[in-house]
C-alpha atoms as a PDB file:
ATOM      1  CA  MET A   1     111.530 137.440  83.776  1.00  0.00           C
ATOM      2  CA  ASN A   2     114.445 135.454  85.138  1.00  0.00           C
ATOM      3  CA  ASP A   3     115.873 135.590  88.675  1.00  0.00           C
ATOM      4  CA  LYS A   4     119.065 137.374  87.623  1.00  0.00           C
ATOM      5  CA  THR A   5     117.023 140.226  86.166  1.00  0.00           C
ATOM      6  CA  VAL A   6     114.926 140.623  89.326  1.00  0.00           C
ATOM      7  CA  SER A   7     118.088 140.301  91.436  1.00  0.00           C
ATOM      8  CA  GLU A   8     119.705 143.113  89.417  1.00  0.00           C
ATOM      9  CA  MET A   9     116.660 145.359  89.763  1.00  0.00           C
ATOM     10  CA  ARG A  10     116.505 144.538  93.482  1.00  0.00           C
ATOM     11  CA  SER A  11     120.104 145.644  93.880  1.00  0.00           C
ATOM     12  CA  GLU A  12     119.556 148.822  91.952  1.00  0.00           C
ATOM     13  CA  VAL A  13     116.407 149.795  93.893  1.00  0.00           C
ATOM     14  CA  ILE A  14     118.023 149.181  97.275  1.00  0.00           C
ATOM     15  CA  GLU A  15     121.368 150.834  96.436  1.00  0.00           C
ATOM     16  CA  SER A  16     119.569 153.914  94.935  1.00  0.00           C
ATOM     17  CA  PHE A  17     117.330 154.217  97.991  1.00  0.00           C
ATOM     18  CA  ILE A  18     120.425 154.220 100.255  1.00  0.00           C
ATOM     19  CA  GLY A  19     121.646 157.321  98.428  1.00  0.00           C
ATOM     20  CA  LEU A  20     118.154 158.940  98.671  1.00  0.00           C
ATOM     21  CA  GLU A  21     118.114 158.275 102.391  1.00  0.00           C
ATOM     22  CA  ALA A  22     121.553 159.839 102.701  1.00  0.00           C
ATOM     23  CA  CYS A  23     120.118 163.065 101.228  1.00  0.00           C
ATOM     24  CA  ILE A  24     117.336 163.007 103.797  1.00  0.00           C
ATOM     25  CA  ASP A  25     119.787 162.421 106.570  1.00  0.00           C
ATOM     26  CA  ALA A  26     121.845 165.448 105.421  1.00  0.00           C
ATOM     27  CA  VAL A  27     118.775 167.691 105.389  1.00  0.00           C
ATOM     28  CA  ILE A  28     117.760 166.483 108.868  1.00  0.00           C
ATOM     29  CA  GLY A  29     121.244 166.814 110.307  1.00  0.00           C
ATOM     30  CA  ILE A  30     121.946 170.241 108.932  1.00  0.00           C
ATOM     31  CA  HIS A  31     118.482 171.564 109.928  1.00  0.00           C
ATOM     32  CA  TYR A  32     118.802 170.530 113.558  1.00  0.00           C
ATOM     33  CA  LEU A  33     122.530 170.891 114.161  1.00  0.00           C
ATOM     34  CA  GLY A  34     123.535 173.479 111.625  1.00  0.00           C
ATOM     35  CA  LYS A  35     126.201 171.156 110.332  1.00  0.00           C
ATOM     36  CA  LEU A  36     126.728 167.528 109.381  1.00  0.00           C
ATOM     37  CA  SER A  37     127.816 165.328 112.280  1.00  0.00           C
ATOM     38  CA  MET A  38     128.855 161.686 111.879  1.00  0.00           C
ATOM     39  CA  ALA A  39     128.190 161.205 115.552  1.00  0.00           C
ATOM     40  CA  PHE A  40     124.577 162.287 115.032  1.00  0.00           C
ATOM     41  CA  TYR A  41     124.250 159.982 112.105  1.00  0.00           C
ATOM     42  CA  GLU A  42     125.838 157.001 113.823  1.00  0.00           C
ATOM     43  CA  GLU A  43     124.077 157.416 117.178  1.00  0.00           C
ATOM     44  CA  VAL A  44     120.632 158.714 116.032  1.00  0.00           C
ATOM     45  CA  LEU A  45     119.799 158.457 112.321  1.00  0.00           C
ATOM     46  CA  TYR A  46     121.570 155.144 111.687  1.00  0.00           C
ATOM     47  CA  ASP A  47     120.116 153.443 114.771  1.00  0.00           C
ATOM     48  CA  GLU A  48     118.192 150.339 113.692  1.00  0.00           C
ATOM     49  CA  TYR A  49     115.125 151.611 115.500  1.00  0.00           C
ATOM     50  CA  PHE A  50     115.060 154.994 113.760  1.00  0.00           C
ATOM     51  CA  SER A  51     112.657 154.044 110.964  1.00  0.00           C
ATOM     52  CA  PHE A  52     112.451 155.504 107.536  1.00  0.00           C
ATOM     53  CA  GLY A  53     108.812 156.479 108.207  1.00  0.00           C
ATOM     54  CA  LEU A  54     110.076 158.755 111.054  1.00  0.00           C
ATOM     55  CA  LYS A  55     112.817 160.270 108.767  1.00  0.00           C
ATOM     56  CA  ALA A  56     110.066 160.979 106.125  1.00  0.00           C
ATOM     57  CA  ARG A  57     107.813 162.640 108.782  1.00  0.00           C
ATOM     58  CA  ILE A  58     110.720 164.757 110.098  1.00  0.00           C
ATOM     59  CA  LEU A  59     111.629 165.780 106.497  1.00  0.00           C
ATOM     60  CA  GLU A  60     107.977 166.780 105.979  1.00  0.00           C
ATOM     61  CA  LYS A  61     108.080 168.972 109.094  1.00  0.00           C
ATOM     62  CA  ILE A  62     111.417 170.566 107.959  1.00  0.00           C
ATOM     63  CA  LEU A  63     110.009 171.345 104.494  1.00  0.00           C
ATOM     64  CA  CYS A  64     106.896 172.894 106.016  1.00  0.00           C
ATOM     65  CA  ALA A  65     109.043 174.978 108.464  1.00  0.00           C
ATOM     66  CA  ASP A  66     111.024 176.192 105.437  1.00  0.00           C
ATOM     67  CA  GLY A  67     107.811 177.235 103.733  1.00  0.00           C
ATOM     68  CA  ASP A  68     108.109 174.539 101.081  1.00  0.00           C
ATOM     69  CA  PRO A  69     105.728 171.749 102.160  1.00  0.00           C
ATOM     70  CA  GLN A  70     105.922 169.576  98.968  1.00  0.00           C
ATOM     71  CA  PRO A  71     103.073 167.169  99.757  1.00  0.00           C
ATOM     72  CA  ALA A  72     103.437 165.444  96.362  1.00  0.00           C
ATOM     73  CA  LEU A  73     107.133 164.900  96.963  1.00  0.00           C
ATOM     74  CA  ILE A  74     106.534 163.368 100.406  1.00  0.00           C
ATOM     75  CA  GLN A  75     103.858 161.144  98.911  1.00  0.00           C
ATOM     76  CA  ARG A  76     106.297 160.037  96.097  1.00  0.00           C
ATOM     77  CA  LEU A  77     109.033 159.495  98.741  1.00  0.00           C
ATOM     78  CA  ARG A  78     106.714 157.145 100.642  1.00  0.00           C
ATOM     79  CA  ARG A  79     105.750 155.299  97.417  1.00  0.00           C
ATOM     80  CA  LEU A  80     109.431 154.755  96.517  1.00  0.00           C
ATOM     81  CA  ASN A  81     109.975 153.443 100.064  1.00  0.00           C
ATOM     82  CA  ASN A  82     107.078 151.100  99.518  1.00  0.00           C
ATOM     83  CA  ILE A  83     108.614 149.819  96.329  1.00  0.00           C
ATOM     84  CA  ARG A  84     111.911 149.457  97.995  1.00  0.00           C
ATOM     85  CA  ASN A  85     110.257 147.362 100.726  1.00  0.00           C
ATOM     86  CA  ILE A  86     108.701 145.115  98.111  1.00  0.00           C
ATOM     87  CA  PHE A  87     112.068 144.470  96.441  1.00  0.00           C
ATOM     88  CA  ALA A  88     113.749 143.886  99.831  1.00  0.00           C
ATOM     89  CA  HIS A  89     111.121 141.584 101.393  1.00  0.00           C
ATOM     90  CA  CYS A  90     109.035 139.958  98.636  1.00  0.00           C
ATOM     91  CA  GLY A  91     110.661 137.145  96.722  1.00  0.00           C
ATOM     92  CA  VAL A  92     109.070 133.783  97.716  1.00  0.00           C
ATOM     93  CA  GLN A  93     107.414 132.291  94.661  1.00  0.00           C
ATOM     94  CA  ARG A  94     104.285 130.271  94.497  1.00  0.00           C
ATOM     95  CA  TYR A  95     103.378 127.717  91.847  1.00  0.00           C
ATOM     96  CA  ASP A  96      99.998 127.938  90.219  1.00  0.00           C
ATOM     97  CA  SER A  97      99.102 124.443  89.071  1.00  0.00           C
ATOM     98  CA  ALA A  98      96.278 125.724  86.809  1.00  0.00           C
ATOM     99  CA  THR A  99      98.553 127.940  84.755  1.00  0.00           C
ATOM    100  CA  LYS A 100     101.712 125.882  85.441  1.00  0.00           C
ATOM    101  CA  ARG A 101     103.488 129.141  86.288  1.00  0.00           C
ATOM    102  CA  SER A 102     105.552 130.409  89.239  1.00  0.00           C
ATOM    103  CA  TYR A 103     104.848 133.873  90.497  1.00  0.00           C
ATOM    104  CA  THR A 104     105.656 136.110  93.460  1.00  0.00           C
ATOM    105  CA  PRO A 105     102.365 137.131  95.196  1.00  0.00           C
ATOM    106  CA  ASN A 106     101.468 140.753  95.731  1.00  0.00           C
ATOM    107  CA  PRO A 107     101.400 141.157  99.506  1.00  0.00           C
ATOM    108  CA  ARG A 108      98.289 143.392  99.244  1.00  0.00           C
ATOM    109  CA  LYS A 109      96.444 141.069  96.944  1.00  0.00           C
ATOM    110  CA  LEU A 110      97.817 137.563  97.330  1.00  0.00           C
ATOM    111  CA  ASP A 111      95.937 136.059  94.330  1.00  0.00           C
ATOM    112  CA  THR A 112      97.846 138.450  91.975  1.00  0.00           C
ATOM    113  CA  ALA A 113     101.493 138.454  90.931  1.00  0.00           C
ATOM    114  CA  LEU A 114     103.950 141.254  91.472  1.00  0.00           C
ATOM    115  CA  ASP A 115     105.309 142.819  88.351  1.00  0.00           C
ATOM    116  CA  PHE A 116     108.879 143.592  89.340  1.00  0.00           C
ATOM    117  CA  GLY A 117     109.573 145.175  85.934  1.00  0.00           C
ATOM    118  CA  GLU A 118     106.691 147.585  86.331  1.00  0.00           C
ATOM    119  CA  LEU A 119     107.690 148.454  89.959  1.00  0.00           C
ATOM    120  CA  HIS A 120     111.327 148.970  88.864  1.00  0.00           C
ATOM    121  CA  SER A 121     110.216 151.343  86.174  1.00  0.00           C
ATOM    122  CA  GLU A 122     108.031 153.235  88.561  1.00  0.00           C
ATOM    123  CA  PHE A 123     110.888 153.501  91.059  1.00  0.00           C
ATOM    124  CA  VAL A 124     113.427 154.670  88.496  1.00  0.00           C
ATOM    125  CA  GLY A 125     110.931 157.120  86.989  1.00  0.00           C
ATOM    126  CA  GLY A 126     110.361 158.838  90.381  1.00  0.00           C
ATOM    127  CA  LEU A 127     113.927 158.740  91.663  1.00  0.00           C
ATOM    128  CA  ALA A 128     115.799 161.451  89.770  1.00  0.00           C
ATOM    129  CA  GLU A 129     113.438 164.354  90.434  1.00  0.00           C
ATOM    130  CA  LEU A 130     113.141 163.460  94.115  1.00  0.00           C
ATOM    131  CA  ARG A 131     116.912 162.973  94.572  1.00  0.00           C
ATOM    132  CA  ASP A 132     117.622 166.269  92.814  1.00  0.00           C
ATOM    133  CA  TYR A 133     115.191 168.091  95.047  1.00  0.00           C
ATOM    134  CA  LEU A 134     116.654 166.571  98.191  1.00  0.00           C
ATOM    135  CA  LEU A 135     120.203 167.427  97.095  1.00  0.00           C
ATOM    136  CA  GLU A 136     119.081 170.968  96.409  1.00  0.00           C
ATOM    137  CA  ALA A 137     117.455 171.185  99.873  1.00  0.00           C
ATOM    138  CA  ALA A 138     120.591 169.873 101.502  1.00  0.00           C
ATOM    139  CA  THR A 139     122.655 172.407  99.571  1.00  0.00           C
ATOM    140  CA  ARG A 140     120.461 175.310 100.577  1.00  0.00           C
ATOM    141  CA  LYS A 141     120.983 174.261 104.226  1.00  0.00           C
ATOM    142  CA  GLY A 142     124.786 174.251 103.764  1.00  0.00           C
ATOM    143  CA  ALA A 143     125.899 170.862 102.575  1.00  0.00           C
ATOM    144  CA  VAL A 144     128.618 170.447 100.031  1.00  0.00           C
ATOM    145  CA  ILE A 145     127.641 167.565  97.871  1.00  0.00           C
ATOM    146  CA  LYS A 146     129.779 165.230  95.776  1.00  0.00           C
ATOM    147  CA  LEU A 147     127.960 162.675  93.633  1.00  0.00           C
ATOM    148  CA  LYS A 148     129.592 159.400  92.703  1.00  0.00           C
ATOM    149  CA  GLU A 149     128.935 156.802  89.948  1.00  0.00           C
ATOM    150  CA  GLY A 150     125.856 158.113  88.107  1.00  0.00           C
ATOM    151  CA  GLY A 151     124.487 159.998  91.155  1.00  0.00           C
ATOM    152  CA  ARG A 152     123.821 156.849  93.127  1.00  0.00           C
ATOM    153  CA  TRP A 153     126.136 157.489  96.096  1.00  0.00           C
ATOM    154  CA  VAL A 154     126.399 160.833  97.776  1.00  0.00           C
ATOM    155  CA  ASP A 155     129.187 162.250 100.013  1.00  0.00           C
ATOM    156  CA  PHE A 156     128.405 165.241 102.120  1.00  0.00           C
ATOM    157  CA  ALA A 157     130.483 167.800 103.947  1.00  0.00           C
ATOM    158  CA  SER A 158     129.107 170.761 105.929  1.00  0.00           C
ATOM    159  CA  VAL A 159     130.150 174.344 105.596  1.00  0.00           C
ATOM    160  CA  GLY A 160     131.633 176.031 108.627  1.00  0.00           C
END
């Protein structure tokens, strides 16, 4: 696999995850404020110290409070975040003189190579259902949703 292909996959994964996170932000914002508030996003949810792990945990609490806990969905969300982190942070290649090949080591098992193609397929395969569920959850809470360009980017407006 050449660098351009990995670079394109990296871009797709990160851009798609931004849209997914926007859906989560909408659910959180509407749940706690009853509306969407850019001030809340900018001052709270978009703060560099407000981690994705915290957003996922808050989403999990909201879904439980709504009587729809979705443990498999939360687990899939965390897995997609893990894949996103691999694409965002793993890229340094090593050279194996025995096989005369370069590879990017798996951070959990350094003697094995990451398969970016497999990770990309897993990410894409889990994205649509998760995104659709989160869009539906945001809509149930009062968001008006506009999808852009193949469903990647999302614009929200709140009712009322």
